[in-house]
Amino acid sequence: MQYKLSDAVKSSGKGVLIDIHVISQSKKTTLDYNSWEPRVRIKVKSPLVKGRANEEITAFFKKLFGSCEITSGFLSPRKTLFLKDCVSLEVIKKLEECLKKA
């Protein structure tokens, strides 16, 4: 099955949920997407220890969208983020712009 970026982004209450897959210890923080997984992949510099990667992820998404909270997957590379006061179509558009730059 092939997925679209919109499969990783869902409206939820007063915001948007994004399903992500974290890849740690990269040279730089970047976004990636493959159609075989309904998750946005984020490569981070930090290791997956002591919450360092979680801090880097929330800082990255706060810079893009103004808010970010991890709602599930605190100890897993598969996480769900909540972006408060965002609209799914705008989030998808901004993610697509970031993916083009990567």
Protein backbone atom coordinates (compact mmCIF):
# COMPACT_ATOMS: atom_id res chain seq x y z
CA MET A 1 0.00 0.00 0.00
CA GLN A 2 1.22 3.49 -0.77
CA TYR A 3 0.51 6.36 1.59
CA LYS A 4 0.31 10.11 1.12
CA LEU A 5 1.64 12.79 3.43
CA SER A 6 -1.95 13.58 4.40
CA ASP A 7 -2.19 10.08 5.96
CA ALA A 8 0.28 11.21 8.66
CA VAL A 9 -1.64 14.42 9.48
CA LYS A 10 -5.08 14.40 11.14
CA SER A 11 -7.35 17.13 12.50
CA SER A 12 -8.04 16.78 16.21
CA GLY A 13 -10.11 19.16 18.30
CA LYS A 14 -8.38 22.53 18.24
CA GLY A 15 -5.30 21.38 16.38
CA VAL A 16 -3.56 18.72 14.35
CA LEU A 17 -1.98 15.35 15.14
CA ILE A 18 1.13 14.29 13.21
CA ASP A 19 2.48 10.75 13.27
CA ILE A 20 6.28 10.75 13.08
CA HIS A 21 9.15 8.26 13.02
CA VAL A 22 12.38 9.44 14.65
CA ILE A 23 15.81 8.56 13.32
CA SER A 24 18.49 9.64 15.77
CA GLN A 25 22.13 10.68 15.53
CA SER A 26 21.90 12.27 12.10
CA LYS A 27 24.27 14.98 10.87
CA LYS A 28 21.44 17.53 10.88
CA THR A 29 17.76 17.79 11.71
CA THR A 30 15.66 17.20 8.60
CA LEU A 31 12.28 15.87 7.52
CA ASP A 32 11.71 12.99 5.11
CA TYR A 33 8.69 11.06 3.86
CA ASN A 34 8.33 7.67 2.17
CA SER A 35 5.06 6.42 0.73
CA TRP A 36 5.51 3.00 2.38
CA GLU A 37 4.88 4.36 5.90
CA PRO A 38 2.09 6.73 7.01
CA ARG A 39 4.52 8.75 9.16
CA VAL A 40 6.74 11.76 8.62
CA ARG A 41 10.34 10.79 9.32
CA ILE A 42 12.43 13.26 11.25
CA LYS A 43 16.16 12.84 11.47
CA VAL A 44 17.63 14.42 14.61
CA LYS A 45 21.16 15.01 15.84
CA SER A 46 20.43 13.86 19.38
CA PRO A 47 20.51 10.26 20.59
CA LEU A 48 17.32 8.59 21.83
CA VAL A 49 18.39 8.87 25.48
CA LYS A 50 17.26 10.96 28.44
CA GLY A 51 14.66 12.82 26.37
CA ARG A 52 17.23 14.67 24.25
CA ALA A 53 15.64 13.65 20.95
CA ASN A 54 12.18 14.57 22.28
CA GLU A 55 13.45 18.05 23.19
CA GLU A 56 14.97 18.49 19.72
CA ILE A 57 11.76 17.31 18.02
CA THR A 58 9.48 19.64 19.99
CA ALA A 59 11.84 22.59 19.42
CA PHE A 60 11.91 21.86 15.66
CA PHE A 61 8.13 21.68 15.33
CA LYS A 62 7.56 24.69 17.64
CA LYS A 63 9.78 26.70 15.31
CA LEU A 64 7.69 25.61 12.31
CA PHE A 65 4.19 25.74 13.80
CA GLY A 66 4.37 27.72 17.07
CA SER A 67 3.37 24.79 19.27
CA CYS A 68 4.19 21.12 19.71
CA GLU A 69 3.40 18.52 22.32
CA ILE A 70 4.25 14.81 22.20
CA THR A 71 1.03 12.93 22.94
CA SER A 72 2.26 9.35 22.56
CA GLY A 73 5.48 7.45 22.01
CA PHE A 74 7.66 9.26 24.56
CA LEU A 75 10.02 6.27 24.76
CA SER A 76 9.57 5.06 21.19
CA PRO A 77 10.89 6.22 17.82
CA ARG A 78 7.24 6.25 16.66
CA LYS A 79 5.52 9.26 18.13
CA THR A 80 2.40 11.35 17.72
CA LEU A 81 2.63 15.12 18.05
CA PHE A 82 -0.15 17.61 18.72
CA LEU A 83 0.07 21.07 17.13
CA LYS A 84 -2.37 23.38 18.89
CA ASP A 85 -4.39 25.91 16.88
CA CYS A 86 -3.23 24.55 13.52
CA VAL A 87 -5.23 23.43 10.48
CA SER A 88 -4.32 20.17 8.73
CA LEU A 89 -4.15 21.64 5.20
CA GLU A 90 -1.77 24.38 6.35
CA VAL A 91 0.38 21.84 8.22
CA ILE A 92 0.57 19.61 5.13
CA LYS A 93 1.54 22.59 2.96
CA LYS A 94 4.31 23.65 5.36
CA LEU A 95 5.59 20.06 5.66
CA GLU A 96 5.69 19.77 1.86
CA GLU A 97 7.78 22.98 1.72
CA CYS A 98 10.21 21.54 4.28
CA LEU A 99 10.45 18.26 2.38
CA LYS A 100 11.34 20.12 -0.84
CA LYS A 101 14.20 21.89 0.96
CA ALA A 102 15.62 18.66 2.42
